[in-house]
All heavy atoms as atom14 arrays in JSON, in Angstrom:
{
  "sequence": "FGIMNVDEHDMIYEFEEKPKKPKSNLASMGIYIFSWKQLRE",
  "atom14_mask": [
    [1, 1, 1, 1, 1, 1, 1, 1, 1, 1, 1, 0, 0, 0],
    [1, 1, 1, 1, 0, 0, 0, 0, 0, 0, 0, 0, 0, 0],
    [1, 1, 1, 1, 1, 1, 1, 1, 0, 0, 0, 0, 0, 0],
    [1, 1, 1, 1, 1, 1, 1, 1, 0, 0, 0, 0, 0, 0],
    [1, 1, 1, 1, 1, 1, 1, 1, 0, 0, 0, 0, 0, 0],
    [1, 1, 1, 1, 1, 1, 1, 0, 0, 0, 0, 0, 0, 0],
    [1, 1, 1, 1, 1, 1, 1, 1, 0, 0, 0, 0, 0, 0],
    [1, 1, 1, 1, 1, 1, 1, 1, 1, 0, 0, 0, 0, 0],
    [1, 1, 1, 1, 1, 1, 1, 1, 1, 1, 0, 0, 0, 0],
    [1, 1, 1, 1, 1, 1, 1, 1, 0, 0, 0, 0, 0, 0],
    [1, 1, 1, 1, 1, 1, 1, 1, 0, 0, 0, 0, 0, 0],
    [1, 1, 1, 1, 1, 1, 1, 1, 0, 0, 0, 0, 0, 0],
    [1, 1, 1, 1, 1, 1, 1, 1, 1, 1, 1, 1, 0, 0],
    [1, 1, 1, 1, 1, 1, 1, 1, 1, 0, 0, 0, 0, 0],
    [1, 1, 1, 1, 1, 1, 1, 1, 1, 1, 1, 0, 0, 0],
    [1, 1, 1, 1, 1, 1, 1, 1, 1, 0, 0, 0, 0, 0],
    [1, 1, 1, 1, 1, 1, 1, 1, 1, 0, 0, 0, 0, 0],
    [1, 1, 1, 1, 1, 1, 1, 1, 1, 0, 0, 0, 0, 0],
    [1, 1, 1, 1, 1, 1, 1, 0, 0, 0, 0, 0, 0, 0],
    [1, 1, 1, 1, 1, 1, 1, 1, 1, 0, 0, 0, 0, 0],
    [1, 1, 1, 1, 1, 1, 1, 1, 1, 0, 0, 0, 0, 0],
    [1, 1, 1, 1, 1, 1, 1, 0, 0, 0, 0, 0, 0, 0],
    [1, 1, 1, 1, 1, 1, 1, 1, 1, 0, 0, 0, 0, 0],
    [1, 1, 1, 1, 1, 1, 0, 0, 0, 0, 0, 0, 0, 0],
    [1, 1, 1, 1, 1, 1, 1, 1, 0, 0, 0, 0, 0, 0],
    [1, 1, 1, 1, 1, 1, 1, 1, 0, 0, 0, 0, 0, 0],
    [1, 1, 1, 1, 1, 0, 0, 0, 0, 0, 0, 0, 0, 0],
    [1, 1, 1, 1, 1, 1, 0, 0, 0, 0, 0, 0, 0, 0],
    [1, 1, 1, 1, 1, 1, 1, 1, 0, 0, 0, 0, 0, 0],
    [1, 1, 1, 1, 0, 0, 0, 0, 0, 0, 0, 0, 0, 0],
    [1, 1, 1, 1, 1, 1, 1, 1, 0, 0, 0, 0, 0, 0],
    [1, 1, 1, 1, 1, 1, 1, 1, 1, 1, 1, 1, 0, 0],
    [1, 1, 1, 1, 1, 1, 1, 1, 0, 0, 0, 0, 0, 0],
    [1, 1, 1, 1, 1, 1, 1, 1, 1, 1, 1, 0, 0, 0],
    [1, 1, 1, 1, 1, 1, 0, 0, 0, 0, 0, 0, 0, 0],
    [1, 1, 1, 1, 1, 1, 1, 1, 1, 1, 1, 1, 1, 1],
    [1, 1, 1, 1, 1, 1, 1, 1, 1, 0, 0, 0, 0, 0],
    [1, 1, 1, 1, 1, 1, 1, 1, 1, 0, 0, 0, 0, 0],
    [1, 1, 1, 1, 1, 1, 1, 1, 0, 0, 0, 0, 0, 0],
    [1, 1, 1, 1, 1, 1, 1, 1, 1, 1, 1, 0, 0, 0],
    [1, 1, 1, 1, 1, 1, 1, 1, 1, 0, 0, 0, 0, 0]
  ],
  "atom14_positions": [
    [[9.34, -4.9, 6.79], [9.27, -3.72, 5.94], [9.1, -2.45, 6.75], [8.77, -2.48, 7.94], [8.07, -3.85, 4.98], [8.16, -4.98, 4.0], [7.65, -6.23, 4.32], [8.75, -4.8, 2.76], [7.73, -7.29, 3.43], [8.83, -5.85, 1.86], [8.32, -7.08, 2.18], [0.0, 0.0, 0.0], [0.0, 0.0, 0.0], [0.0, 0.0, 0.0]],
    [[9.29, -1.33, 6.07], [8.87, -0.05, 6.6], [7.37, 0.06, 6.36], [6.9, -0.08, 5.23], [0.0, 0.0, 0.0], [0.0, 0.0, 0.0], [0.0, 0.0, 0.0], [0.0, 0.0, 0.0], [0.0, 0.0, 0.0], [0.0, 0.0, 0.0], [0.0, 0.0, 0.0], [0.0, 0.0, 0.0], [0.0, 0.0, 0.0], [0.0, 0.0, 0.0]],
    [[6.59, 0.27, 7.42], [5.13, 0.21, 7.34], [4.53, 1.61, 7.45], [4.89, 2.4, 8.33], [4.56, -0.7, 8.44], [5.04, -2.14, 8.23], [3.03, -0.64, 8.46], [4.6, -2.78, 6.93], [0.0, 0.0, 0.0], [0.0, 0.0, 0.0], [0.0, 0.0, 0.0], [0.0, 0.0, 0.0], [0.0, 0.0, 0.0], [0.0, 0.0, 0.0]],
    [[3.6, 1.9, 6.55], [2.88, 3.17, 6.56], [1.49, 2.98, 7.17], [0.72, 2.14, 6.71], [2.73, 3.7, 5.12], [4.04, 3.95, 4.41], [4.99, 5.27, 5.19], [6.58, 5.06, 4.38], [0.0, 0.0, 0.0], [0.0, 0.0, 0.0], [0.0, 0.0, 0.0], [0.0, 0.0, 0.0], [0.0, 0.0, 0.0], [0.0, 0.0, 0.0]],
    [[1.2, 3.73, 8.21], [-0.13, 3.73, 8.8], [-0.92, 4.91, 8.24], [-0.44, 6.05, 8.26], [-0.02, 3.81, 10.33], [0.71, 2.61, 10.92], [0.54, 1.48, 10.46], [1.54, 2.84, 11.93], [0.0, 0.0, 0.0], [0.0, 0.0, 0.0], [0.0, 0.0, 0.0], [0.0, 0.0, 0.0], [0.0, 0.0, 0.0], [0.0, 0.0, 0.0]],
    [[-2.12, 4.62, 7.72], [-2.89, 5.64, 7.0], [-4.28, 5.79, 7.58], [-4.8, 4.91, 8.29], [-2.99, 5.27, 5.5], [-1.6, 5.17, 4.86], [-3.75, 3.96, 5.3], [0.0, 0.0, 0.0], [0.0, 0.0, 0.0], [0.0, 0.0, 0.0], [0.0, 0.0, 0.0], [0.0, 0.0, 0.0], [0.0, 0.0, 0.0], [0.0, 0.0, 0.0]],
    [[-4.91, 6.95, 7.28], [-6.29, 7.18, 7.71], [-7.24, 6.69, 6.61], [-6.83, 6.04, 5.65], [-6.5, 8.66, 8.04], [-6.29, 9.57, 6.83], [-6.31, 9.08, 5.68], [-6.11, 10.8, 7.05], [0.0, 0.0, 0.0], [0.0, 0.0, 0.0], [0.0, 0.0, 0.0], [0.0, 0.0, 0.0], [0.0, 0.0, 0.0], [0.0, 0.0, 0.0]],
    [[-8.52, 7.05, 6.75], [-9.53, 6.55, 5.81], [-9.35, 7.12, 4.4], [-9.93, 6.62, 3.43], [-10.94, 6.86, 6.32], [-11.28, 8.34, 6.43], [-10.87, 8.94, 7.78], [-10.03, 8.32, 8.47], [-11.4, 10.01, 8.14], [0.0, 0.0, 0.0], [0.0, 0.0, 0.0], [0.0, 0.0, 0.0], [0.0, 0.0, 0.0], [0.0, 0.0, 0.0]],
    [[-8.56, 8.19, 4.28], [-8.3, 8.78, 2.97], [-6.93, 8.39, 2.41], [-6.44, 9.0, 1.46], [-8.39, 10.31, 3.05], [-9.71, 10.81, 3.57], [-10.89, 10.64, 2.88], [-10.02, 11.45, 4.74], [-11.9, 11.17, 3.58], [-11.39, 11.66, 4.71], [0.0, 0.0, 0.0], [0.0, 0.0, 0.0], [0.0, 0.0, 0.0], [0.0, 0.0, 0.0]],
    [[-6.34, 7.39, 3.02], [-5.0, 6.92, 2.63], [-3.95, 8.01, 2.76], [-2.99, 8.07, 1.99], [-5.0, 6.34, 1.21], [-5.35, 4.85, 1.2], [-5.47, 4.27, 2.29], [-5.49, 4.28, 0.1], [0.0, 0.0, 0.0], [0.0, 0.0, 0.0], [0.0, 0.0, 0.0], [0.0, 0.0, 0.0], [0.0, 0.0, 0.0], [0.0, 0.0, 0.0]],
    [[-4.14, 8.88, 3.75], [-3.11, 9.86, 4.08], [-2.28, 9.29, 5.24], [-2.82, 8.74, 6.2], [-3.72, 11.2, 4.48], [-4.54, 11.85, 3.36], [-3.6, 12.15, 1.84], [-2.5, 13.47, 2.4], [0.0, 0.0, 0.0], [0.0, 0.0, 0.0], [0.0, 0.0, 0.0], [0.0, 0.0, 0.0], [0.0, 0.0, 0.0], [0.0, 0.0, 0.0]],
    [[-0.98, 9.38, 5.12], [-0.07, 8.77, 6.08], [0.02, 9.63, 7.34], [0.29, 10.83, 7.26], [1.33, 8.6, 5.46], [1.24, 7.72, 4.2], [2.31, 7.99, 6.46], [2.49, 7.76, 3.34], [0.0, 0.0, 0.0], [0.0, 0.0, 0.0], [0.0, 0.0, 0.0], [0.0, 0.0, 0.0], [0.0, 0.0, 0.0], [0.0, 0.0, 0.0]],
    [[-0.19, 9.01, 8.49], [-0.02, 9.74, 9.75], [1.12, 9.18, 10.6], [1.55, 9.79, 11.57], [-1.33, 9.73, 10.57], [-1.76, 8.36, 11.07], [-1.26, 7.83, 12.25], [-2.7, 7.62, 10.37], [-1.66, 6.58, 12.72], [-3.11, 6.37, 10.82], [-2.59, 5.86, 11.99], [-2.99, 4.62, 12.44], [0.0, 0.0, 0.0], [0.0, 0.0, 0.0]],
    [[1.65, 8.01, 10.19], [2.74, 7.41, 10.97], [3.54, 6.47, 10.09], [3.0, 5.78, 9.23], [2.16, 6.64, 12.16], [3.22, 6.09, 13.12], [2.62, 5.33, 14.28], [1.49, 4.79, 14.13], [3.25, 5.27, 15.35], [0.0, 0.0, 0.0], [0.0, 0.0, 0.0], [0.0, 0.0, 0.0], [0.0, 0.0, 0.0], [0.0, 0.0, 0.0]],
    [[4.86, 6.48, 10.31], [5.76, 5.57, 9.62], [6.52, 4.76, 10.66], [7.1, 5.31, 11.59], [6.75, 6.35, 8.74], [7.87, 5.51, 8.2], [7.62, 4.51, 7.27], [9.18, 5.7, 8.61], [8.65, 3.73, 6.76], [10.22, 4.94, 8.11], [9.95, 3.95, 7.19], [0.0, 0.0, 0.0], [0.0, 0.0, 0.0], [0.0, 0.0, 0.0]],
    [[6.5, 3.42, 10.5], [7.2, 2.54, 11.43], [8.2, 1.69, 10.65], [7.83, 0.98, 9.72], [6.22, 1.63, 12.17], [5.26, 2.36, 13.09], [4.34, 1.4, 13.83], [3.46, 0.8, 13.17], [4.51, 1.23, 15.04], [0.0, 0.0, 0.0], [0.0, 0.0, 0.0], [0.0, 0.0, 0.0], [0.0, 0.0, 0.0], [0.0, 0.0, 0.0]],
    [[9.47, 1.76, 11.03], [10.51, 0.99, 10.36], [10.61, -0.4, 10.99], [11.01, -0.54, 12.14], [11.86, 1.72, 10.46], [13.01, 1.0, 9.78], [12.85, 0.9, 8.27], [12.23, 1.81, 7.69], [13.33, -0.08, 7.69], [0.0, 0.0, 0.0], [0.0, 0.0, 0.0], [0.0, 0.0, 0.0], [0.0, 0.0, 0.0], [0.0, 0.0, 0.0]],
    [[10.2, -1.42, 10.24], [10.26, -2.82, 10.67], [9.69, -3.02, 12.08], [10.39, -3.48, 12.99], [11.69, -3.33, 10.58], [12.26, -3.31, 9.18], [13.68, -3.83, 9.1], [14.19, -3.8, 7.66], [15.59, -4.27, 7.54], [0.0, 0.0, 0.0], [0.0, 0.0, 0.0], [0.0, 0.0, 0.0], [0.0, 0.0, 0.0], [0.0, 0.0, 0.0]],
    [[8.42, -2.69, 12.27], [7.81, -2.8, 13.6], [7.6, -4.26, 14.03], [7.26, -5.11, 13.21], [6.47, -2.09, 13.43], [6.13, -2.29, 11.99], [7.45, -2.23, 11.25], [0.0, 0.0, 0.0], [0.0, 0.0, 0.0], [0.0, 0.0, 0.0], [0.0, 0.0, 0.0], [0.0, 0.0, 0.0], [0.0, 0.0, 0.0], [0.0, 0.0, 0.0]],
    [[7.8, -4.54, 15.31], [7.58, -5.9, 15.81], [6.09, -6.23, 15.83], [5.7, -7.37, 15.58], [8.17, -6.03, 17.22], [9.7, -5.95, 17.26], [10.22, -6.15, 18.67], [11.74, -6.11, 18.7], [12.28, -6.29, 20.09], [0.0, 0.0, 0.0], [0.0, 0.0, 0.0], [0.0, 0.0, 0.0], [0.0, 0.0, 0.0], [0.0, 0.0, 0.0]],
    [[5.27, -5.21, 16.13], [3.82, -5.39, 16.14], [3.19, -4.36, 15.2], [2.75, -3.29, 15.63], [3.27, -5.24, 17.56], [3.76, -6.33, 18.51], [3.14, -6.16, 19.9], [3.6, -7.27, 20.84], [3.0, -7.12, 22.2], [0.0, 0.0, 0.0], [0.0, 0.0, 0.0], [0.0, 0.0, 0.0], [0.0, 0.0, 0.0], [0.0, 0.0, 0.0]],
    [[3.17, -4.64, 13.9], [2.68, -3.66, 12.93], [1.19, -3.38, 13.09], [0.41, -4.27, 13.43], [2.97, -4.33, 11.58], [3.04, -5.79, 11.89], [3.61, -5.9, 13.27], [0.0, 0.0, 0.0], [0.0, 0.0, 0.0], [0.0, 0.0, 0.0], [0.0, 0.0, 0.0], [0.0, 0.0, 0.0], [0.0, 0.0, 0.0], [0.0, 0.0, 0.0]],
    [[0.82, -2.12, 12.83], [-0.58, -1.71, 12.9], [-1.29, -1.88, 11.56], [-2.51, -1.87, 11.49], [-0.67, -0.25, 13.34], [-0.06, 0.03, 14.7], [-0.05, 1.52, 15.0], [0.69, 1.83, 16.3], [0.81, 3.29, 16.54], [0.0, 0.0, 0.0], [0.0, 0.0, 0.0], [0.0, 0.0, 0.0], [0.0, 0.0, 0.0], [0.0, 0.0, 0.0]],
    [[-0.51, -1.98, 10.48], [-1.09, -2.2, 9.16], [-0.14, -3.05, 8.33], [0.96, -3.39, 8.79], [-1.35, -0.86, 8.45], [-0.18, -0.38, 7.81], [0.0, 0.0, 0.0], [0.0, 0.0, 0.0], [0.0, 0.0, 0.0], [0.0, 0.0, 0.0], [0.0, 0.0, 0.0], [0.0, 0.0, 0.0], [0.0, 0.0, 0.0], [0.0, 0.0, 0.0]],
    [[-0.58, -3.38, 7.12], [0.26, -4.21, 6.25], [0.63, -3.46, 4.97], [0.93, -4.07, 3.95], [-0.44, -5.52, 5.9], [-1.71, -5.3, 5.08], [-2.28, -4.2, 5.08], [-2.15, -6.33, 4.4], [0.0, 0.0, 0.0], [0.0, 0.0, 0.0], [0.0, 0.0, 0.0], [0.0, 0.0, 0.0], [0.0, 0.0, 0.0], [0.0, 0.0, 0.0]],
    [[0.64, -2.12, 5.03], [1.02, -1.31, 3.88], [2.52, -1.05, 3.92], [3.0, -0.21, 4.69], [0.24, 0.01, 3.86], [-1.25, -0.07, 3.55], [-1.88, 1.31, 3.58], [-1.49, -0.74, 2.2], [0.0, 0.0, 0.0], [0.0, 0.0, 0.0], [0.0, 0.0, 0.0], [0.0, 0.0, 0.0], [0.0, 0.0, 0.0], [0.0, 0.0, 0.0]],
    [[3.25, -1.75, 3.09], [4.71, -1.66, 3.1], [5.19, -0.62, 2.08], [4.69, -0.55, 0.96], [5.32, -3.02, 2.76], [0.0, 0.0, 0.0], [0.0, 0.0, 0.0], [0.0, 0.0, 0.0], [0.0, 0.0, 0.0], [0.0, 0.0, 0.0], [0.0, 0.0, 0.0], [0.0, 0.0, 0.0], [0.0, 0.0, 0.0], [0.0, 0.0, 0.0]],
    [[6.15, 0.17, 2.5], [6.76, 1.14, 1.59], [7.58, 0.42, 0.52], [8.32, -0.52, 0.81], [7.67, 2.1, 2.37], [8.44, 2.88, 1.48], [0.0, 0.0, 0.0], [0.0, 0.0, 0.0], [0.0, 0.0, 0.0], [0.0, 0.0, 0.0], [0.0, 0.0, 0.0], [0.0, 0.0, 0.0], [0.0, 0.0, 0.0], [0.0, 0.0, 0.0]],
    [[7.44, 0.87, -0.73], [8.19, 0.28, -1.84], [9.46, 1.07, -2.14], [10.19, 0.74, -3.08], [7.3, 0.23, -3.08], [6.08, -0.65, -2.92], [4.88, -0.44, -4.26], [5.84, -0.95, -5.68], [0.0, 0.0, 0.0], [0.0, 0.0, 0.0], [0.0, 0.0, 0.0], [0.0, 0.0, 0.0], [0.0, 0.0, 0.0], [0.0, 0.0, 0.0]],
    [[9.71, 2.12, -1.37], [10.9, 2.93, -1.62], [10.81, 3.79, -2.86], [11.82, 4.17, -3.45], [0.0, 0.0, 0.0], [0.0, 0.0, 0.0], [0.0, 0.0, 0.0], [0.0, 0.0, 0.0], [0.0, 0.0, 0.0], [0.0, 0.0, 0.0], [0.0, 0.0, 0.0], [0.0, 0.0, 0.0], [0.0, 0.0, 0.0], [0.0, 0.0, 0.0]],
    [[9.58, 4.1, -3.28], [9.34, 4.96, -4.44], [8.59, 6.2, -3.94], [7.52, 6.08, -3.35], [8.5, 4.23, -5.5], [9.22, 2.96, -5.95], [8.2, 5.14, -6.69], [8.35, 2.03, -6.79], [0.0, 0.0, 0.0], [0.0, 0.0, 0.0], [0.0, 0.0, 0.0], [0.0, 0.0, 0.0], [0.0, 0.0, 0.0], [0.0, 0.0, 0.0]],
    [[9.19, 7.38, -4.16], [8.63, 8.61, -3.6], [8.44, 9.66, -4.68], [9.26, 9.78, -5.59], [9.57, 9.21, -2.56], [10.13, 8.26, -1.52], [11.46, 7.84, -1.57], [9.34, 7.79, -0.48], [11.98, 6.99, -0.62], [9.85, 6.94, 0.48], [11.17, 6.53, 0.4], [11.69, 5.67, 1.35], [0.0, 0.0, 0.0], [0.0, 0.0, 0.0]],
    [[7.37, 10.43, -4.56], [7.22, 11.67, -5.32], [7.14, 12.81, -4.32], [6.33, 12.78, -3.38], [5.97, 11.65, -6.22], [6.15, 10.67, -7.39], [5.69, 13.06, -6.77], [4.97, 10.6, -8.33], [0.0, 0.0, 0.0], [0.0, 0.0, 0.0], [0.0, 0.0, 0.0], [0.0, 0.0, 0.0], [0.0, 0.0, 0.0], [0.0, 0.0, 0.0]],
    [[7.99, 13.81, -4.51], [8.02, 14.99, -3.65], [7.67, 16.23, -4.46], [8.04, 16.33, -5.64], [9.41, 15.19, -3.05], [9.83, 14.15, -2.06], [10.58, 13.06, -2.47], [9.52, 14.28, -0.71], [10.99, 12.1, -1.55], [9.92, 13.32, 0.2], [10.66, 12.23, -0.21], [0.0, 0.0, 0.0], [0.0, 0.0, 0.0], [0.0, 0.0, 0.0]],
    [[7.02, 17.17, -3.82], [6.95, 18.51, -4.37], [8.32, 19.13, -4.15], [8.82, 19.16, -3.01], [5.85, 19.32, -3.67], [4.58, 18.74, -3.93], [0.0, 0.0, 0.0], [0.0, 0.0, 0.0], [0.0, 0.0, 0.0], [0.0, 0.0, 0.0], [0.0, 0.0, 0.0], [0.0, 0.0, 0.0], [0.0, 0.0, 0.0], [0.0, 0.0, 0.0]],
    [[8.96, 19.6, -5.21], [10.37, 19.94, -5.16], [10.7, 21.04, -4.17], [11.7, 20.98, -3.45], [10.86, 20.3, -6.56], [12.28, 20.84, -6.6], [12.7, 21.99, -7.18], [13.45, 20.21, -6.05], [14.06, 22.13, -7.03], [14.54, 21.05, -6.33], [13.68, 19.05, -5.33], [15.84, 20.77, -5.94], [14.98, 18.75, -4.92], [16.04, 19.61, -5.22]],
    [[9.88, 22.08, -4.08], [10.19, 23.18, -3.16], [10.28, 22.69, -1.72], [11.2, 23.06, -0.98], [9.13, 24.28, -3.29], [9.22, 25.06, -4.59], [8.2, 26.17, -4.66], [8.3, 26.95, -5.97], [7.29, 28.04, -6.05], [0.0, 0.0, 0.0], [0.0, 0.0, 0.0], [0.0, 0.0, 0.0], [0.0, 0.0, 0.0], [0.0, 0.0, 0.0]],
    [[9.33, 21.85, -1.31], [9.37, 21.32, 0.06], [10.56, 20.38, 0.25], [11.27, 20.47, 1.25], [8.07, 20.59, 0.4], [6.9, 21.5, 0.69], [5.98, 21.63, -0.5], [6.41, 21.69, -1.65], [4.68, 21.68, -0.23], [0.0, 0.0, 0.0], [0.0, 0.0, 0.0], [0.0, 0.0, 0.0], [0.0, 0.0, 0.0], [0.0, 0.0, 0.0]],
    [[10.79, 19.49, -0.71], [11.89, 18.54, -0.56], [13.22, 19.27, -0.43], [14.05, 18.91, 0.4], [11.94, 17.58, -1.76], [13.14, 16.61, -1.77], [13.14, 15.74, -0.52], [13.14, 15.75, -3.03], [0.0, 0.0, 0.0], [0.0, 0.0, 0.0], [0.0, 0.0, 0.0], [0.0, 0.0, 0.0], [0.0, 0.0, 0.0], [0.0, 0.0, 0.0]],
    [[13.42, 20.29, -1.22], [14.68, 21.02, -1.17], [14.93, 21.58, 0.22], [16.06, 21.5, 0.75], [14.68, 22.14, -2.21], [15.97, 22.93, -2.23], [16.05, 23.85, -3.41], [17.32, 24.57, -3.44], [17.87, 25.09, -4.52], [17.25, 24.97, -5.68], [19.02, 25.73, -4.45], [0.0, 0.0, 0.0], [0.0, 0.0, 0.0], [0.0, 0.0, 0.0]],
    [[13.9, 22.12, 0.84], [14.05, 22.67, 2.19], [14.46, 21.6, 3.18], [15.35, 21.82, 4.02], [12.73, 23.32, 2.63], [12.36, 24.56, 1.85], [11.0, 25.1, 2.25], [10.37, 24.5, 3.17], [10.55, 26.1, 1.65], [0.0, 0.0, 0.0], [0.0, 0.0, 0.0], [0.0, 0.0, 0.0], [0.0, 0.0, 0.0], [0.0, 0.0, 0.0]]
  ]
}
């Protein structure tokens, strides 16, 4: 999976696509919510 590495507040600081040695087991589900102004940019 694509793995999300998070801090103690569950804020993402790193994304690893199918890592051989994953640092966490939080897999991306491919579901995103964006703030539209930022996403558009």
